[in-house]
Amino acid sequence: MSDLPTTDETGRIGNRTRTAVLGTGALAGVLAFLVGYLVTWVTAGTRAASVTVTGPFGSGVPDWRAVLWVFFDGHFVGTRTPQVFGPDGALWGGGELVDTVSLLDVTYVYAIPPLVLAVAGAAVALHLRSETPRAGVQAGLTVGIGYLVTVVLALFVATQGGIAPSPLRALVVAGIVYPVAFGGLGGFVAVLVTTRTSGERSSPAA
């Protein structure tokens, strides 16, 4: 009898491989979001806490939630202020989007999401041993799965008293555009650098 795998066995192996790839990317995406949030807390936590004291959001907001708003705004999402209505139901004010990053003068936070996503994309590409830049991009794109899921979950806990990141912008920009762009870029660069380094090492000395 032949020891070669049957068509069904080959299909099952392929499915397991794809599942492993997607699972690796999803985990990297979740970790990228969490690391980005923690870096934001460490570098801008003190100023983020002041947004509930001197900012337009009122008091009683826990520091961890204020930091979450700032991290979302690091993706250019925008945090919506609470709406104030009069006795007749007319809108008196509020409801506009505020960029807490600019408000608190912590513009370096804009660099955090691209960096953590690029690193995550590169890590996935290297872990999967992607051999071509195209394969590196494809590996990096899988980071978006976990990142998007974490964005959705974070939106639920980021809401308080009518204050929350813009849901649509959070889902589209933070959840899709950023991980696709920077996760894929990280995977591309990682494979490109690795390929060139390997080529230089294997080239005979002049």
Protein backbone atom coordinates (compact mmCIF):
# COMPACT_ATOMS: atom_id res chain seq x y z
CA MET A 1 0.00 0.00 0.00
CA SER A 2 1.12 3.57 -0.67
CA ASP A 3 2.28 5.70 2.25
CA LEU A 4 1.24 8.89 0.48
CA PRO A 5 -1.63 10.78 2.16
CA THR A 6 -5.02 10.51 0.56
CA THR A 7 -6.89 13.52 -0.77
CA ASP A 8 -9.02 13.66 2.39
CA GLU A 9 -5.95 13.47 4.61
CA THR A 10 -4.22 16.21 2.63
CA GLY A 11 -7.31 18.39 3.00
CA ARG A 12 -7.39 17.85 6.75
CA ILE A 13 -3.69 18.71 7.03
CA GLY A 14 -4.26 21.87 5.00
CA ASN A 15 -7.19 22.88 7.17
CA ARG A 16 -5.18 22.35 10.34
CA THR A 17 -2.35 24.44 8.88
CA ARG A 18 -4.67 27.29 7.95
CA THR A 19 -6.27 27.15 11.39
CA ALA A 20 -2.85 27.30 13.03
CA VAL A 21 -1.85 30.28 10.88
CA LEU A 22 -5.05 32.18 11.63
CA GLY A 23 -4.82 31.30 15.31
CA THR A 24 -1.25 32.58 15.51
CA GLY A 25 -2.20 35.83 13.80
CA ALA A 26 -5.29 36.29 15.95
CA LEU A 27 -3.29 35.81 19.15
CA ALA A 28 -0.68 38.27 17.93
CA GLY A 29 -3.43 40.81 17.18
CA VAL A 30 -4.88 40.53 20.68
CA LEU A 31 -1.43 40.90 22.22
CA ALA A 32 -0.68 43.90 19.99
CA PHE A 33 -3.78 45.71 21.25
CA LEU A 34 -3.01 44.90 24.89
CA VAL A 35 0.65 45.90 24.59
CA GLY A 36 -0.32 49.14 22.83
CA TYR A 37 -2.80 49.93 25.59
CA LEU A 38 -0.21 49.22 28.31
CA VAL A 39 2.43 51.35 26.57
CA THR A 40 -0.11 54.16 26.33
CA TRP A 41 -0.83 53.83 30.06
CA VAL A 42 2.87 53.90 30.96
CA THR A 43 3.73 56.85 28.71
CA ALA A 44 0.54 58.93 28.92
CA GLY A 45 -1.39 57.57 31.91
CA THR A 46 -0.86 60.58 34.17
CA ARG A 47 -2.11 63.02 31.56
CA ALA A 48 -4.92 60.71 30.52
CA ALA A 49 -6.21 60.68 34.09
CA SER A 50 -6.40 64.49 34.02
CA VAL A 51 -8.86 64.40 31.12
CA THR A 52 -11.65 63.73 33.62
CA VAL A 53 -10.62 66.66 35.80
CA THR A 54 -9.89 69.50 33.40
CA GLY A 55 -11.28 68.02 30.17
CA PRO A 56 -14.79 68.01 28.70
CA PHE A 57 -15.77 64.61 30.11
CA GLY A 58 -16.61 65.35 33.73
CA SER A 59 -15.44 63.42 36.76
CA GLY A 60 -15.88 59.87 38.01
CA VAL A 61 -14.18 58.21 35.05
CA PRO A 62 -11.63 55.56 36.09
CA ASP A 63 -8.08 56.07 34.87
CA TRP A 64 -8.03 52.82 32.90
CA ARG A 65 -11.02 53.96 30.84
CA ALA A 66 -9.52 57.38 30.17
CA VAL A 67 -6.34 55.67 28.95
CA LEU A 68 -8.48 53.49 26.68
CA TRP A 69 -9.99 56.61 25.11
CA VAL A 70 -6.52 58.00 24.51
CA PHE A 71 -5.35 54.73 22.96
CA PHE A 72 -8.34 54.65 20.62
CA ASP A 73 -7.62 58.25 19.66
CA GLY A 74 -4.07 57.15 18.87
CA HIS A 75 -5.79 55.54 15.86
CA PHE A 76 -7.44 58.90 14.97
CA VAL A 77 -10.81 57.58 16.15
CA GLY A 78 -12.09 60.46 18.30
CA THR A 79 -13.96 60.37 21.60
CA ARG A 80 -17.55 61.61 21.56
CA THR A 81 -18.59 63.95 24.39
CA PRO A 82 -21.98 63.45 26.11
CA GLN A 83 -24.98 65.20 24.60
CA VAL A 84 -26.89 67.70 26.74
CA PHE A 85 -30.60 68.20 26.01
CA GLY A 86 -32.92 70.94 27.25
CA PRO A 87 -36.38 70.48 28.80
CA ASP A 88 -37.96 70.69 25.35
CA GLY A 89 -35.73 67.92 24.04
CA ALA A 90 -33.57 70.26 21.99
CA LEU A 91 -29.85 69.56 21.89
CA TRP A 92 -28.03 72.17 23.96
CA GLY A 93 -24.54 70.97 23.28
CA GLY A 94 -22.08 68.12 23.27
CA GLY A 95 -21.95 65.18 20.95
CA GLU A 96 -18.83 66.35 19.13
CA LEU A 97 -15.71 64.27 18.65
CA VAL A 98 -12.71 65.24 20.74
CA ASP A 99 -9.18 64.06 20.00
CA THR A 100 -7.85 63.34 23.49
CA VAL A 101 -4.32 62.83 22.14
CA SER A 102 -4.15 66.41 20.91
CA LEU A 103 -6.12 67.66 23.91
CA LEU A 104 -3.55 66.22 26.32
CA ASP A 105 -0.57 67.02 24.07
CA VAL A 106 0.61 63.41 23.94
CA THR A 107 1.04 63.24 20.18
CA TYR A 108 3.64 60.48 20.51
CA VAL A 109 0.71 58.14 21.18
CA TYR A 110 -0.04 58.29 17.44
CA ALA A 111 3.09 56.19 16.90
CA ILE A 112 2.12 53.41 19.32
CA PRO A 113 -0.55 51.55 17.26
CA PRO A 114 1.54 51.43 14.06
CA LEU A 115 4.60 50.22 15.96
CA VAL A 116 2.90 47.43 17.93
CA LEU A 117 1.03 46.25 14.85
CA ALA A 118 4.14 46.27 12.67
CA VAL A 119 6.04 44.29 15.30
CA ALA A 120 3.14 41.84 15.61
CA GLY A 121 2.97 41.38 11.84
CA ALA A 122 6.72 40.84 11.65
CA ALA A 123 6.62 38.34 14.51
CA VAL A 124 3.88 36.30 12.83
CA ALA A 125 5.70 36.29 9.49
CA LEU A 126 8.93 35.14 11.12
CA HIS A 127 7.18 32.56 13.29
CA LEU A 128 5.51 31.07 10.23
CA ARG A 129 8.81 31.20 8.34
CA SER A 130 7.36 33.12 5.42
CA GLU A 131 9.77 32.87 2.51
CA THR A 132 8.59 35.68 0.23
CA PRO A 133 7.52 39.27 0.89
CA ARG A 134 4.05 38.39 -0.38
CA ALA A 135 3.79 35.54 2.10
CA GLY A 136 5.03 37.93 4.78
CA VAL A 137 2.26 40.39 3.98
CA GLN A 138 -0.34 37.61 4.09
CA ALA A 139 0.98 36.44 7.46
CA GLY A 140 0.96 39.99 8.81
CA LEU A 141 -2.62 40.52 7.70
CA THR A 142 -3.81 37.76 10.05
CA VAL A 143 -3.01 40.09 12.96
CA GLY A 144 -6.17 41.96 12.01
CA ILE A 145 -8.40 39.11 13.19
CA GLY A 146 -7.46 39.36 16.84
CA TYR A 147 -7.06 43.13 16.74
CA LEU A 148 -10.58 43.65 15.38
CA VAL A 149 -12.11 41.32 17.97
CA THR A 150 -10.28 43.16 20.76
CA VAL A 151 -11.41 46.54 19.41
CA VAL A 152 -15.04 45.37 19.49
CA LEU A 153 -14.71 44.11 23.06
CA ALA A 154 -12.90 47.26 24.15
CA LEU A 155 -15.70 49.42 22.78
CA PHE A 156 -18.14 47.85 25.24
CA VAL A 157 -16.03 48.74 28.28
CA ALA A 158 -14.95 52.14 26.89
CA THR A 159 -18.43 53.64 27.21
CA GLN A 160 -19.44 55.66 30.26
CA GLY A 161 -22.08 58.34 30.70
CA GLY A 162 -22.58 58.82 26.98
CA ILE A 163 -18.84 59.18 26.41
CA ALA A 164 -17.24 56.66 24.08
CA PRO A 165 -14.96 56.35 21.07
CA SER A 166 -16.82 56.78 17.79
CA PRO A 167 -18.05 53.20 17.13
CA LEU A 168 -17.92 53.38 13.33
CA ARG A 169 -14.48 54.99 13.22
CA ALA A 170 -13.21 52.56 15.86
CA LEU A 171 -14.37 49.52 13.91
CA VAL A 172 -13.25 50.72 10.48
CA VAL A 173 -10.09 52.68 11.27
CA ALA A 174 -8.76 51.02 14.43
CA GLY A 175 -10.20 47.57 13.81
CA ILE A 176 -9.55 47.14 10.08
CA VAL A 177 -7.44 49.84 8.42
CA TYR A 178 -4.65 49.98 10.99
CA PRO A 179 -4.01 46.23 11.42
CA VAL A 180 -4.28 45.58 7.68
CA ALA A 181 -1.89 48.41 6.81
CA PHE A 182 0.70 48.05 9.55
CA GLY A 183 0.41 44.33 10.22
CA GLY A 184 0.93 43.61 6.54
CA LEU A 185 3.77 46.15 6.39
CA GLY A 186 5.49 44.52 9.34
CA GLY A 187 5.30 41.10 7.74
CA PHE A 188 6.61 42.46 4.44
CA VAL A 189 9.59 44.24 5.99
CA ALA A 190 10.47 41.28 8.23
CA VAL A 191 10.70 38.87 5.30
CA LEU A 192 12.50 41.41 3.12
CA VAL A 193 15.17 42.04 5.76
CA THR A 194 15.52 38.35 6.57
CA THR A 195 15.87 37.42 2.88
CA ARG A 196 18.51 40.06 2.25
CA THR A 197 20.44 39.12 5.38
CA SER A 198 20.39 35.45 4.43
CA GLY A 199 21.51 36.32 0.92
CA GLU A 200 24.45 38.37 2.18
CA ARG A 201 25.56 35.57 4.49
CA SER A 202 25.39 32.97 1.73
CA SER A 203 27.23 35.12 -0.83
CA PRO A 204 30.92 34.20 -1.27
CA ALA A 205 33.39 36.77 -0.10
CA ALA A 206 34.91 38.90 -2.82
